[in-house]
């Protein structure tokens, strides 16, 4: 069996130059053609691809552990002890930042088997960078669920 390592780093957001008009034929009145017939998203980028499951879960865990979302938001997305781990960790809001919202900087994963993924992520919380590790397991219904979560320096 071949194992693969998947890495994801969000790209910096694109800010168009104020001196150049946007690409894709869009002028001040919007895209050319009748409403609803123009391309979706930025011109020339094609359809957006869904991020891999470990990145989606890293964002969900970040939302809970920063206090942005309540713990019960993860009820259907956890299995085993993961929910209890979140219940213990979340009241401390360990990823809350005094400044802007914490940001997922990097997330990589390695599948130890066909229905499991072990992932690690780095999260920027103000000037500090934190580490988070978690495990995803795919159930019989083919949906991914978080099975374990750990943060740097905090008990599991």
C-alpha atoms as a PDB file:
ATOM      1  CA  UNK A   1       0.000   0.000   0.000  1.00  0.00           C
ATOM      2  CA  UNK A   2       1.270   3.443  -0.879  1.00  0.00           C
ATOM      3  CA  UNK A   3       0.924   6.204   1.687  1.00  0.00           C
ATOM      4  CA  UNK A   4       0.682   9.831   0.709  1.00  0.00           C
ATOM      5  CA  UNK A   5       1.259  12.977   2.672  1.00  0.00           C
ATOM      6  CA  UNK A   6      -1.143  15.832   1.972  1.00  0.00           C
ATOM      7  CA  UNK A   7      -0.192  19.394   2.788  1.00  0.00           C
ATOM      8  CA  UNK A   8      -2.255  22.531   2.546  1.00  0.00           C
ATOM      9  CA  UNK A   9      -1.205  26.113   3.041  1.00  0.00           C
ATOM     10  CA  UNK A  10      -3.773  28.799   2.316  1.00  0.00           C
ATOM     11  CA  UNK A  11      -2.578  31.176  -0.357  1.00  0.00           C
ATOM     12  CA  UNK A  12      -2.458  34.860   0.475  1.00  0.00           C
ATOM     13  CA  UNK A  13      -5.586  36.650  -0.586  1.00  0.00           C
ATOM     14  CA  UNK A  14      -5.460  38.370  -3.934  1.00  0.00           C
ATOM     15  CA  UNK A  15      -5.889  42.116  -3.801  1.00  0.00           C
ATOM     16  CA  UNK A  16      -6.406  43.692  -7.228  1.00  0.00           C
ATOM     17  CA  UNK A  17      -4.386  46.747  -8.083  1.00  0.00           C
ATOM     18  CA  UNK A  18      -6.434  49.961  -7.758  1.00  0.00           C
ATOM     19  CA  UNK A  19      -4.889  51.312 -10.969  1.00  0.00           C
ATOM     20  CA  UNK A  20      -5.842  48.368 -13.190  1.00  0.00           C
ATOM     21  CA  UNK A  21      -9.383  47.334 -14.091  1.00  0.00           C
ATOM     22  CA  UNK A  22     -10.359  43.791 -13.041  1.00  0.00           C
ATOM     23  CA  UNK A  23      -9.748  40.967 -15.516  1.00  0.00           C
ATOM     24  CA  UNK A  24     -12.506  39.109 -17.321  1.00  0.00           C
ATOM     25  CA  UNK A  25     -14.308  41.918 -19.107  1.00  0.00           C
ATOM     26  CA  UNK A  26     -16.013  43.207 -15.992  1.00  0.00           C
ATOM     27  CA  UNK A  27     -16.377  46.937 -15.991  1.00  0.00           C
ATOM     28  CA  UNK A  28     -17.971  49.265 -13.494  1.00  0.00           C
ATOM     29  CA  UNK A  29     -21.415  47.866 -14.340  1.00  0.00           C
ATOM     30  CA  UNK A  30     -20.403  44.206 -13.727  1.00  0.00           C
ATOM     31  CA  UNK A  31     -19.691  41.278 -16.067  1.00  0.00           C
ATOM     32  CA  UNK A  32     -20.770  41.544 -19.661  1.00  0.00           C
ATOM     33  CA  UNK A  33     -23.976  39.786 -20.646  1.00  0.00           C
ATOM     34  CA  UNK A  34     -27.310  39.344 -18.918  1.00  0.00           C
ATOM     35  CA  UNK A  35     -27.383  38.954 -15.154  1.00  0.00           C
ATOM     36  CA  UNK A  36     -26.493  35.489 -13.959  1.00  0.00           C
ATOM     37  CA  UNK A  37     -24.763  34.418 -17.182  1.00  0.00           C
ATOM     38  CA  UNK A  38     -21.240  35.589 -16.321  1.00  0.00           C
ATOM     39  CA  UNK A  39     -18.573  33.379 -14.748  1.00  0.00           C
ATOM     40  CA  UNK A  40     -18.720  32.776 -11.009  1.00  0.00           C
ATOM     41  CA  UNK A  41     -15.825  33.737  -8.789  1.00  0.00           C
ATOM     42  CA  UNK A  42     -12.785  35.514 -10.119  1.00  0.00           C
ATOM     43  CA  UNK A  43     -12.494  35.549 -13.879  1.00  0.00           C
ATOM     44  CA  UNK A  44     -10.300  32.835 -15.314  1.00  0.00           C
ATOM     45  CA  UNK A  45     -10.001  30.746 -12.157  1.00  0.00           C
ATOM     46  CA  UNK A  46     -12.478  28.010 -13.114  1.00  0.00           C
ATOM     47  CA  UNK A  47     -14.510  26.059 -10.592  1.00  0.00           C
ATOM     48  CA  UNK A  48     -13.325  26.172  -7.002  1.00  0.00           C
ATOM     49  CA  UNK A  49     -12.013  22.950  -5.547  1.00  0.00           C
ATOM     50  CA  UNK A  50     -13.134  21.862  -2.115  1.00  0.00           C
ATOM     51  CA  UNK A  51     -10.291  21.748   0.438  1.00  0.00           C
ATOM     52  CA  UNK A  52      -9.358  18.275   1.705  1.00  0.00           C
ATOM     53  CA  UNK A  53     -11.227  16.955   4.797  1.00  0.00           C
ATOM     54  CA  UNK A  54      -8.339  17.552   7.187  1.00  0.00           C
ATOM     55  CA  UNK A  55      -8.301  21.262   6.287  1.00  0.00           C
ATOM     56  CA  UNK A  56     -12.072  21.570   6.764  1.00  0.00           C
ATOM     57  CA  UNK A  57     -11.789  19.905  10.174  1.00  0.00           C
ATOM     58  CA  UNK A  58      -8.835  22.085  11.168  1.00  0.00           C
ATOM     59  CA  UNK A  59     -11.009  25.141  10.483  1.00  0.00           C
ATOM     60  CA  UNK A  60     -13.920  23.646  12.469  1.00  0.00           C
ATOM     61  CA  UNK A  61     -11.686  22.821  15.430  1.00  0.00           C
ATOM     62  CA  UNK A  62     -10.162  26.290  15.263  1.00  0.00           C
ATOM     63  CA  UNK A  63     -13.631  27.853  15.402  1.00  0.00           C
ATOM     64  CA  UNK A  64     -14.544  25.853  18.521  1.00  0.00           C
ATOM     65  CA  UNK A  65     -11.220  26.255  20.329  1.00  0.00           C
ATOM     66  CA  UNK A  66     -11.132  30.006  19.694  1.00  0.00           C
ATOM     67  CA  UNK A  67     -14.630  30.489  21.111  1.00  0.00           C
ATOM     68  CA  UNK A  68     -16.152  31.455  17.758  1.00  0.00           C
ATOM     69  CA  UNK A  69     -18.471  28.399  17.788  1.00  0.00           C
ATOM     70  CA  UNK A  70     -19.932  26.401  20.703  1.00  0.00           C
ATOM     71  CA  UNK A  71     -18.670  22.880  21.415  1.00  0.00           C
ATOM     72  CA  UNK A  72     -22.017  21.266  20.568  1.00  0.00           C
ATOM     73  CA  UNK A  73     -21.499  22.473  16.981  1.00  0.00           C
ATOM     74  CA  UNK A  74     -19.101  19.493  16.646  1.00  0.00           C
ATOM     75  CA  UNK A  75     -21.535  16.837  17.940  1.00  0.00           C
ATOM     76  CA  UNK A  76     -22.180  15.227  14.553  1.00  0.00           C
ATOM     77  CA  UNK A  77     -18.569  15.686  13.478  1.00  0.00           C
ATOM     78  CA  UNK A  78     -16.885  13.725  16.272  1.00  0.00           C
ATOM     79  CA  UNK A  79     -16.643  10.099  17.319  1.00  0.00           C
ATOM     80  CA  UNK A  80     -15.227   8.380  20.391  1.00  0.00           C
ATOM     81  CA  UNK A  81     -13.461  10.583  22.907  1.00  0.00           C
ATOM     82  CA  UNK A  82     -12.957  13.572  20.623  1.00  0.00           C
ATOM     83  CA  UNK A  83     -16.122  15.328  21.783  1.00  0.00           C
ATOM     84  CA  UNK A  84     -15.140  14.873  25.451  1.00  0.00           C
ATOM     85  CA  UNK A  85     -11.681  16.242  24.639  1.00  0.00           C
ATOM     86  CA  UNK A  86     -13.295  19.315  23.087  1.00  0.00           C
ATOM     87  CA  UNK A  87     -15.603  19.734  26.091  1.00  0.00           C
ATOM     88  CA  UNK A  88     -12.521  19.836  28.344  1.00  0.00           C
ATOM     89  CA  UNK A  89     -10.477  22.131  26.084  1.00  0.00           C
ATOM     90  CA  UNK A  90     -13.054  24.613  24.773  1.00  0.00           C
ATOM     91  CA  UNK A  91     -13.954  26.478  28.010  1.00  0.00           C
ATOM     92  CA  UNK A  92     -10.360  27.676  28.196  1.00  0.00           C
ATOM     93  CA  UNK A  93     -10.608  28.965  24.584  1.00  0.00           C
ATOM     94  CA  UNK A  94      -6.922  28.098  24.149  1.00  0.00           C
ATOM     95  CA  UNK A  95      -6.765  29.505  20.621  1.00  0.00           C
ATOM     96  CA  UNK A  96      -8.438  32.831  21.357  1.00  0.00           C
ATOM     97  CA  UNK A  97      -6.325  35.805  20.378  1.00  0.00           C
ATOM     98  CA  UNK A  98      -6.304  39.325  21.802  1.00  0.00           C
ATOM     99  CA  UNK A  99      -5.918  40.652  18.277  1.00  0.00           C
ATOM    100  CA  UNK A 100      -7.442  39.441  15.028  1.00  0.00           C
ATOM    101  CA  UNK A 101      -9.119  36.050  14.623  1.00  0.00           C
ATOM    102  CA  UNK A 102      -6.678  33.118  14.790  1.00  0.00           C
ATOM    103  CA  UNK A 103      -5.683  31.858  11.347  1.00  0.00           C
ATOM    104  CA  UNK A 104      -4.883  28.396  10.045  1.00  0.00           C
ATOM    105  CA  UNK A 105      -1.363  28.762   8.634  1.00  0.00           C
ATOM    106  CA  UNK A 106      -0.572  25.227   7.525  1.00  0.00           C
ATOM    107  CA  UNK A 107      -2.260  21.850   7.707  1.00  0.00           C
ATOM    108  CA  UNK A 108      -0.778  18.536   6.628  1.00  0.00           C
ATOM    109  CA  UNK A 109      -2.030  14.991   6.917  1.00  0.00           C
ATOM    110  CA  UNK A 110      -0.827  11.439   6.565  1.00  0.00           C
ATOM    111  CA  UNK A 111      -3.233   8.542   6.104  1.00  0.00           C
ATOM    112  CA  UNK A 112      -2.180   5.572   8.294  1.00  0.00           C
ATOM    113  CA  UNK A 113      -4.889   3.536   6.554  1.00  0.00           C
ATOM    114  CA  UNK A 114      -7.626   3.902   3.932  1.00  0.00           C
ATOM    115  CA  UNK A 115     -10.225   5.163   6.417  1.00  0.00           C
ATOM    116  CA  UNK A 116      -8.093   7.271   8.762  1.00  0.00           C
ATOM    117  CA  UNK A 117      -6.082  10.482   8.547  1.00  0.00           C
ATOM    118  CA  UNK A 118      -3.708  11.896  11.129  1.00  0.00           C
ATOM    119  CA  UNK A 119      -3.239  15.617  10.712  1.00  0.00           C
ATOM    120  CA  UNK A 120      -1.267  18.444  12.247  1.00  0.00           C
ATOM    121  CA  UNK A 121      -1.840  22.152  11.855  1.00  0.00           C
ATOM    122  CA  UNK A 122      -0.131  25.376  12.789  1.00  0.00           C
ATOM    123  CA  UNK A 123      -2.310  28.253  13.881  1.00  0.00           C
ATOM    124  CA  UNK A 124      -1.343  31.901  14.239  1.00  0.00           C
ATOM    125  CA  UNK A 125      -2.892  33.519  17.317  1.00  0.00           C
ATOM    126  CA  UNK A 126      -1.659  37.079  17.310  1.00  0.00           C
ATOM    127  CA  UNK A 127       2.141  36.902  17.430  1.00  0.00           C
ATOM    128  CA  UNK A 128       2.159  33.327  18.724  1.00  0.00           C
ATOM    129  CA  UNK A 129       2.079  30.161  16.608  1.00  0.00           C
ATOM    130  CA  UNK A 130       0.300  27.145  18.097  1.00  0.00           C
ATOM    131  CA  UNK A 131       0.249  23.486  17.073  1.00  0.00           C
ATOM    132  CA  UNK A 132      -2.780  21.211  16.867  1.00  0.00           C
ATOM    133  CA  UNK A 133      -2.923  17.503  16.043  1.00  0.00           C
ATOM    134  CA  UNK A 134      -6.058  15.519  15.305  1.00  0.00           C
ATOM    135  CA  UNK A 135      -7.222  12.231  13.858  1.00  0.00           C
ATOM    136  CA  UNK A 136     -10.069  11.746  11.390  1.00  0.00           C
ATOM    137  CA  UNK A 137     -11.830   8.452  10.793  1.00  0.00           C
ATOM    138  CA  UNK A 138     -14.217   7.659   7.960  1.00  0.00           C
ATOM    139  CA  UNK A 139     -17.369   5.835   9.056  1.00  0.00           C
ATOM    140  CA  UNK A 140     -19.512   3.323   7.225  1.00  0.00           C
ATOM    141  CA  UNK A 141     -21.542   6.226   5.842  1.00  0.00           C
ATOM    142  CA  UNK A 142     -18.278   7.483   4.205  1.00  0.00           C
ATOM    143  CA  UNK A 143     -18.315  10.697   6.288  1.00  0.00           C
ATOM    144  CA  UNK A 144     -15.193  11.884   8.081  1.00  0.00           C
ATOM    145  CA  UNK A 145     -15.372  12.464  11.834  1.00  0.00           C
ATOM    146  CA  UNK A 146     -12.805  13.697  14.316  1.00  0.00           C
ATOM    147  CA  UNK A 147     -11.661  10.905  16.668  1.00  0.00           C
ATOM    148  CA  UNK A 148      -9.000  12.744  18.717  1.00  0.00           C
ATOM    149  CA  UNK A 149      -7.598  16.244  19.161  1.00  0.00           C
ATOM    150  CA  UNK A 150      -4.555  17.616  20.999  1.00  0.00           C
ATOM    151  CA  UNK A 151      -3.060  21.072  21.394  1.00  0.00           C
ATOM    152  CA  UNK A 152       0.524  21.987  22.158  1.00  0.00           C
ATOM    153  CA  UNK A 153       1.226  22.026  25.871  1.00  0.00           C
ATOM    154  CA  UNK A 154      -2.312  21.026  26.892  1.00  0.00           C
ATOM    155  CA  UNK A 155      -3.390  17.577  28.093  1.00  0.00           C
ATOM    156  CA  UNK A 156      -5.391  15.520  25.611  1.00  0.00           C
END
